[in-house]
Amino acid sequence: MPNLDWMTYLMIILASYRFTHLIVFDKITEFLRNPFLRKERVVDDEGHVSTKKTPTSMFGYLLNCYWCTGIWSAIILGVSYLLIPHISKPVIFILSIAGAQAILETFVGVGTKLVQFLSEKK
């Protein structure tokens, strides 16, 4: 196994985070998830009706489970880095930038919403 420096390791972690999010949550990959999910009507205790998507197979669970997909995305990116680095390095580089940006945007978004909430309470 090659010796990874901390920056490469961090980039693979961030890339795996973003790749996982892309598969499980993003609208652009919904077409991959939809064939393995079905819509169910849910009625809560107060009578409110909502719909939720539930997996129809084990593959549906894989595409819908952040933890499961995270393992597979880490395997895919890690192995591709080891076996075909000339192809995977640019992909990992782009995904790691997008992953770091997504994490920063989460903190900025939460902070912005908190400031707005607090200013409305005054």
N, C-alpha and C. Protein backbone atom coordinates (compact mmCIF):
# COMPACT_ATOMS: atom_id res chain seq x y z
N MET A 1 0.85 -1.18 0.00
CA MET A 1 0.00 0.00 0.00
C MET A 1 0.89 1.23 0.00
N PRO A 2 0.57 2.20 -0.87
CA PRO A 2 1.41 3.39 -0.94
C PRO A 2 1.25 4.27 0.30
N ASN A 3 2.26 5.05 0.55
CA ASN A 3 2.25 5.97 1.68
C ASN A 3 1.48 7.23 1.28
N LEU A 4 0.34 7.47 1.92
CA LEU A 4 -0.48 8.64 1.62
C LEU A 4 -0.09 9.79 2.53
N ASP A 5 0.09 10.97 1.94
CA ASP A 5 0.30 12.14 2.80
C ASP A 5 -1.05 12.61 3.33
N TRP A 6 -1.04 13.46 4.33
CA TRP A 6 -2.28 13.86 5.00
C TRP A 6 -3.20 14.63 4.06
N MET A 7 -2.64 15.40 3.13
CA MET A 7 -3.47 16.18 2.21
C MET A 7 -4.23 15.26 1.25
N THR A 8 -3.57 14.26 0.73
CA THR A 8 -4.24 13.31 -0.17
C THR A 8 -5.33 12.55 0.58
N TYR A 9 -5.02 12.13 1.79
CA TYR A 9 -6.00 11.42 2.61
C TYR A 9 -7.22 12.30 2.89
N LEU A 10 -6.98 13.55 3.24
CA LEU A 10 -8.08 14.49 3.48
C LEU A 10 -8.91 14.71 2.22
N MET A 11 -8.24 14.80 1.08
CA MET A 11 -8.96 14.99 -0.18
C MET A 11 -9.84 13.78 -0.50
N ILE A 12 -9.34 12.59 -0.24
CA ILE A 12 -10.14 11.38 -0.49
C ILE A 12 -11.35 11.35 0.45
N ILE A 13 -11.15 11.76 1.69
CA ILE A 13 -12.27 11.82 2.65
C ILE A 13 -13.33 12.81 2.18
N LEU A 14 -12.91 14.01 1.80
CA LEU A 14 -13.86 15.02 1.33
C LEU A 14 -14.55 14.59 0.04
N ALA A 15 -13.79 13.95 -0.85
CA ALA A 15 -14.37 13.46 -2.10
C ALA A 15 -15.40 12.37 -1.82
N SER A 16 -15.10 11.48 -0.89
CA SER A 16 -16.03 10.42 -0.54
C SER A 16 -17.30 11.00 0.07
N TYR A 17 -17.15 12.02 0.91
CA TYR A 17 -18.30 12.71 1.49
C TYR A 17 -19.19 13.28 0.39
N ARG A 18 -18.59 13.99 -0.55
CA ARG A 18 -19.38 14.64 -1.60
C ARG A 18 -20.00 13.63 -2.55
N PHE A 19 -19.24 12.58 -2.88
CA PHE A 19 -19.75 11.54 -3.77
C PHE A 19 -20.94 10.83 -3.13
N THR A 20 -20.85 10.55 -1.85
CA THR A 20 -21.95 9.93 -1.12
C THR A 20 -23.18 10.83 -1.12
N HIS A 21 -22.98 12.10 -0.84
CA HIS A 21 -24.09 13.05 -0.84
C HIS A 21 -24.73 13.14 -2.22
N LEU A 22 -23.90 13.13 -3.25
CA LEU A 22 -24.40 13.19 -4.62
C LEU A 22 -25.32 12.02 -4.92
N ILE A 23 -24.94 10.84 -4.49
CA ILE A 23 -25.74 9.64 -4.77
C ILE A 23 -27.01 9.59 -3.93
N VAL A 24 -26.91 9.91 -2.65
CA VAL A 24 -28.04 9.70 -1.72
C VAL A 24 -29.04 10.85 -1.74
N PHE A 25 -28.58 12.09 -1.87
CA PHE A 25 -29.47 13.23 -1.65
C PHE A 25 -29.72 14.13 -2.86
N ASP A 26 -28.78 14.28 -3.75
CA ASP A 26 -28.90 15.31 -4.78
C ASP A 26 -29.97 15.01 -5.82
N LYS A 27 -30.63 16.06 -6.26
CA LYS A 27 -31.70 15.97 -7.25
C LYS A 27 -31.20 15.38 -8.57
N ILE A 28 -29.97 15.73 -8.94
CA ILE A 28 -29.43 15.31 -10.23
C ILE A 28 -29.30 13.80 -10.37
N THR A 29 -29.19 13.08 -9.25
CA THR A 29 -29.07 11.62 -9.31
C THR A 29 -30.36 10.92 -8.88
N GLU A 30 -31.44 11.67 -8.81
CA GLU A 30 -32.73 11.08 -8.42
C GLU A 30 -33.15 9.98 -9.39
N PHE A 31 -32.79 10.14 -10.67
CA PHE A 31 -33.16 9.12 -11.66
C PHE A 31 -32.50 7.77 -11.36
N LEU A 32 -31.39 7.77 -10.66
CA LEU A 32 -30.75 6.51 -10.25
C LEU A 32 -31.50 5.85 -9.10
N ARG A 33 -32.01 6.66 -8.18
CA ARG A 33 -32.69 6.14 -6.99
C ARG A 33 -34.14 5.74 -7.26
N ASN A 34 -34.84 6.49 -8.09
CA ASN A 34 -36.28 6.30 -8.27
C ASN A 34 -36.71 4.89 -8.66
N PRO A 35 -36.00 4.18 -9.54
CA PRO A 35 -36.45 2.82 -9.87
C PRO A 35 -36.43 1.85 -8.68
N PHE A 36 -35.72 2.21 -7.62
CA PHE A 36 -35.57 1.32 -6.47
C PHE A 36 -36.34 1.83 -5.25
N LEU A 37 -37.18 2.85 -5.45
CA LEU A 37 -37.97 3.42 -4.36
C LEU A 37 -39.44 3.45 -4.76
N ARG A 38 -40.32 3.35 -3.76
CA ARG A 38 -41.75 3.51 -4.02
C ARG A 38 -42.29 4.56 -3.05
N LYS A 39 -43.34 5.24 -3.49
CA LYS A 39 -43.96 6.26 -2.64
C LYS A 39 -45.01 5.60 -1.76
N GLU A 40 -44.99 5.97 -0.47
CA GLU A 40 -45.98 5.46 0.48
C GLU A 40 -46.69 6.64 1.13
N ARG A 41 -47.98 6.49 1.32
CA ARG A 41 -48.75 7.50 2.05
C ARG A 41 -48.61 7.24 3.53
N VAL A 42 -48.33 8.29 4.28
CA VAL A 42 -48.17 8.18 5.72
C VAL A 42 -49.12 9.17 6.38
N VAL A 43 -49.89 8.67 7.35
CA VAL A 43 -50.80 9.51 8.12
C VAL A 43 -50.29 9.55 9.55
N ASP A 44 -50.01 10.77 10.06
CA ASP A 44 -49.50 10.87 11.44
C ASP A 44 -50.66 10.88 12.43
N ASP A 45 -50.35 11.01 13.72
CA ASP A 45 -51.35 10.96 14.79
C ASP A 45 -52.38 12.07 14.69
N GLU A 46 -51.99 13.19 14.09
CA GLU A 46 -52.90 14.33 13.96
C GLU A 46 -53.71 14.28 12.67
N GLY A 47 -53.51 13.26 11.85
CA GLY A 47 -54.27 13.12 10.62
C GLY A 47 -53.63 13.76 9.40
N HIS A 48 -52.44 14.31 9.55
CA HIS A 48 -51.75 14.90 8.40
C HIS A 48 -51.22 13.80 7.49
N VAL A 49 -51.47 13.97 6.20
CA VAL A 49 -51.04 12.98 5.21
C VAL A 49 -49.79 13.49 4.51
N SER A 50 -48.81 12.63 4.41
CA SER A 50 -47.60 12.96 3.66
C SER A 50 -47.16 11.71 2.90
N THR A 51 -46.25 11.91 1.98
CA THR A 51 -45.69 10.76 1.26
C THR A 51 -44.21 10.68 1.54
N LYS A 52 -43.74 9.45 1.59
CA LYS A 52 -42.31 9.23 1.76
C LYS A 52 -41.90 8.13 0.80
N LYS A 53 -40.64 8.16 0.45
CA LYS A 53 -40.12 7.15 -0.46
C LYS A 53 -39.44 6.07 0.36
N THR A 54 -39.81 4.81 0.09
CA THR A 54 -39.20 3.68 0.79
C THR A 54 -38.54 2.75 -0.23
N PRO A 55 -37.44 2.15 0.15
CA PRO A 55 -36.74 1.24 -0.76
C PRO A 55 -37.57 0.00 -1.09
N THR A 56 -37.42 -0.48 -2.32
CA THR A 56 -38.12 -1.69 -2.75
C THR A 56 -37.20 -2.90 -2.77
N SER A 57 -35.90 -2.68 -2.57
CA SER A 57 -34.94 -3.79 -2.61
C SER A 57 -33.72 -3.42 -1.78
N MET A 58 -32.80 -4.37 -1.67
CA MET A 58 -31.56 -4.09 -0.94
C MET A 58 -30.75 -3.00 -1.66
N PHE A 59 -30.79 -2.99 -2.97
CA PHE A 59 -30.09 -1.95 -3.71
C PHE A 59 -30.73 -0.59 -3.43
N GLY A 60 -32.05 -0.57 -3.26
CA GLY A 60 -32.74 0.66 -2.89
C GLY A 60 -32.30 1.16 -1.53
N TYR A 61 -32.10 0.23 -0.59
CA TYR A 61 -31.58 0.61 0.72
C TYR A 61 -30.18 1.19 0.60
N LEU A 62 -29.37 0.57 -0.25
CA LEU A 62 -28.02 1.05 -0.45
C LEU A 62 -28.02 2.49 -0.98
N LEU A 63 -28.88 2.77 -1.94
CA LEU A 63 -28.93 4.12 -2.53
C LEU A 63 -29.60 5.14 -1.61
N ASN A 64 -30.32 4.66 -0.62
CA ASN A 64 -31.04 5.54 0.27
C ASN A 64 -30.36 5.71 1.63
N CYS A 65 -29.35 4.91 1.91
CA CYS A 65 -28.67 4.90 3.20
C CYS A 65 -27.33 5.62 3.09
N TYR A 66 -27.21 6.71 3.81
CA TYR A 66 -25.99 7.50 3.77
C TYR A 66 -24.78 6.70 4.25
N TRP A 67 -24.95 5.93 5.29
CA TRP A 67 -23.85 5.14 5.85
C TRP A 67 -23.42 4.04 4.89
N CYS A 68 -24.38 3.35 4.30
CA CYS A 68 -24.08 2.26 3.35
C CYS A 68 -23.38 2.79 2.11
N THR A 69 -23.94 3.83 1.53
CA THR A 69 -23.35 4.42 0.33
C THR A 69 -21.98 5.00 0.63
N GLY A 70 -21.80 5.52 1.84
CA GLY A 70 -20.51 6.07 2.23
C GLY A 70 -19.41 5.04 2.21
N ILE A 71 -19.71 3.83 2.66
CA ILE A 71 -18.73 2.75 2.61
C ILE A 71 -18.34 2.45 1.17
N TRP A 72 -19.35 2.31 0.31
CA TRP A 72 -19.07 1.97 -1.08
C TRP A 72 -18.37 3.09 -1.83
N SER A 73 -18.73 4.33 -1.54
CA SER A 73 -18.03 5.43 -2.22
C SER A 73 -16.58 5.53 -1.75
N ALA A 74 -16.33 5.24 -0.48
CA ALA A 74 -14.95 5.22 0.01
C ALA A 74 -14.16 4.11 -0.66
N ILE A 75 -14.78 2.95 -0.81
CA ILE A 75 -14.11 1.83 -1.49
C ILE A 75 -13.82 2.19 -2.94
N ILE A 76 -14.81 2.73 -3.63
CA ILE A 76 -14.64 3.08 -5.05
C ILE A 76 -13.53 4.12 -5.22
N LEU A 77 -13.57 5.19 -4.43
CA LEU A 77 -12.56 6.25 -4.58
C LEU A 77 -11.19 5.79 -4.10
N GLY A 78 -11.14 5.05 -3.00
CA GLY A 78 -9.86 4.57 -2.49
C GLY A 78 -9.18 3.59 -3.43
N VAL A 79 -9.93 2.63 -3.91
CA VAL A 79 -9.36 1.63 -4.82
C VAL A 79 -8.99 2.28 -6.16
N SER A 80 -9.84 3.18 -6.64
CA SER A 80 -9.51 3.84 -7.92
C SER A 80 -8.25 4.69 -7.78
N TYR A 81 -8.07 5.31 -6.61
CA TYR A 81 -6.84 6.08 -6.38
C TYR A 81 -5.62 5.16 -6.41
N LEU A 82 -5.74 3.98 -5.84
CA LEU A 82 -4.62 3.04 -5.80
C LEU A 82 -4.35 2.39 -7.16
N LEU A 83 -5.41 2.08 -7.93
CA LEU A 83 -5.24 1.33 -9.17
C LEU A 83 -5.10 2.20 -10.42
N ILE A 84 -5.86 3.29 -10.47
CA ILE A 84 -5.82 4.17 -11.66
C ILE A 84 -5.70 5.63 -11.22
N PRO A 85 -4.59 5.98 -10.61
CA PRO A 85 -4.45 7.34 -10.07
C PRO A 85 -4.53 8.44 -11.12
N HIS A 86 -4.07 8.17 -12.33
CA HIS A 86 -4.10 9.21 -13.36
C HIS A 86 -5.52 9.61 -13.75
N ILE A 87 -6.48 8.73 -13.56
CA ILE A 87 -7.89 9.04 -13.84
C ILE A 87 -8.58 9.54 -12.57
N SER A 88 -8.31 8.91 -11.45
CA SER A 88 -9.05 9.22 -10.23
C SER A 88 -8.60 10.52 -9.55
N LYS A 89 -7.34 10.91 -9.70
CA LYS A 89 -6.86 12.12 -9.03
C LYS A 89 -7.66 13.37 -9.42
N PRO A 90 -7.92 13.63 -10.71
CA PRO A 90 -8.74 14.81 -11.04
C PRO A 90 -10.15 14.74 -10.48
N VAL A 91 -10.74 13.53 -10.50
CA VAL A 91 -12.10 13.36 -9.96
C VAL A 91 -12.10 13.62 -8.46
N ILE A 92 -11.13 13.05 -7.76
CA ILE A 92 -11.01 13.24 -6.31
C ILE A 92 -10.76 14.71 -6.00
N PHE A 93 -9.94 15.37 -6.78
CA PHE A 93 -9.65 16.79 -6.58
C PHE A 93 -10.93 17.63 -6.67
N ILE A 94 -11.70 17.42 -7.73
CA ILE A 94 -12.95 18.18 -7.92
C ILE A 94 -13.96 17.86 -6.81
N LEU A 95 -14.16 16.57 -6.53
CA LEU A 95 -15.12 16.18 -5.49
C LEU A 95 -14.69 16.69 -4.11
N SER A 96 -13.39 16.74 -3.84
CA SER A 96 -12.94 17.21 -2.52
C SER A 96 -13.19 18.71 -2.37
N ILE A 97 -13.01 19.47 -3.44
CA ILE A 97 -13.33 20.90 -3.37
C ILE A 97 -14.83 21.08 -3.14
N ALA A 98 -15.64 20.33 -3.87
CA ALA A 98 -17.10 20.42 -3.71
C ALA A 98 -17.52 19.96 -2.31
N GLY A 99 -16.87 18.94 -1.77
CA GLY A 99 -17.19 18.46 -0.43
C GLY A 99 -16.87 19.49 0.63
N ALA A 100 -15.68 20.11 0.53
CA ALA A 100 -15.31 21.16 1.49
C ALA A 100 -16.26 22.34 1.38
N GLN A 101 -16.61 22.70 0.16
CA GLN A 101 -17.54 23.82 -0.05
C GLN A 101 -18.89 23.51 0.57
N ALA A 102 -19.37 22.28 0.42
CA ALA A 102 -20.66 21.90 0.98
C ALA A 102 -20.64 21.98 2.50
N ILE A 103 -19.54 21.55 3.11
CA ILE A 103 -19.42 21.64 4.57
C ILE A 103 -19.40 23.09 5.01
N LEU A 104 -18.62 23.92 4.33
CA LEU A 104 -18.58 25.35 4.67
C LEU A 104 -19.95 26.00 4.49
N GLU A 105 -20.63 25.67 3.41
CA GLU A 105 -21.94 26.25 3.15
C GLU A 105 -22.95 25.84 4.21
N THR A 106 -22.83 24.65 4.74
CA THR A 106 -23.71 24.21 5.82
C THR A 106 -23.53 25.12 7.04
N PHE A 107 -22.28 25.37 7.42
CA PHE A 107 -22.02 26.24 8.57
C PHE A 107 -22.45 27.67 8.30
N VAL A 108 -22.17 28.19 7.13
CA VAL A 108 -22.56 29.55 6.78
C VAL A 108 -24.08 29.65 6.73
N GLY A 109 -24.73 28.65 6.13
CA GLY A 109 -26.19 28.66 6.04
C GLY A 109 -26.86 28.62 7.41
N VAL A 110 -26.33 27.77 8.29
CA VAL A 110 -26.88 27.69 9.65
C VAL A 110 -26.66 29.02 10.38
N GLY A 111 -25.46 29.58 10.23
CA GLY A 111 -25.17 30.87 10.88
C GLY A 111 -26.06 31.98 10.35
N THR A 112 -26.26 32.00 9.04
CA THR A 112 -27.12 33.02 8.42
C THR A 112 -28.55 32.88 8.91
N LYS A 113 -29.05 31.65 8.96
CA LYS A 113 -30.42 31.43 9.44
C LYS A 113 -30.55 31.79 10.91
N LEU A 114 -29.52 31.51 11.71
CA LEU A 114 -29.55 31.85 13.12
C LEU A 114 -29.59 33.37 13.31
N VAL A 115 -28.76 34.09 12.56
CA VAL A 115 -28.76 35.55 12.65
C VAL A 115 -30.11 36.11 12.25
N GLN A 116 -30.69 35.56 11.17
CA GLN A 116 -32.01 36.01 10.72
C GLN A 116 -33.06 35.69 11.78
N PHE A 117 -33.02 34.50 12.36
CA PHE A 117 -33.98 34.11 13.39
C PHE A 117 -33.88 35.03 14.59
N LEU A 118 -32.66 35.30 15.05
CA LEU A 118 -32.46 36.16 16.22
C LEU A 118 -32.89 37.59 15.96
N SER A 119 -32.66 38.09 14.75
CA SER A 119 -33.07 39.45 14.43
C SER A 119 -34.58 39.57 14.35
N GLU A 120 -35.26 38.49 13.93
CA GLU A 120 -36.73 38.51 13.88
C GLU A 120 -37.33 38.46 15.29
N LYS A 121 -36.63 37.85 16.24
CA LYS A 121 -37.12 37.74 17.60
C LYS A 121 -37.04 39.06 18.37
N LYS A 122 -36.20 39.97 17.90
CA LYS A 122 -36.04 41.25 18.61
C LYS A 122 -37.21 42.15 18.48
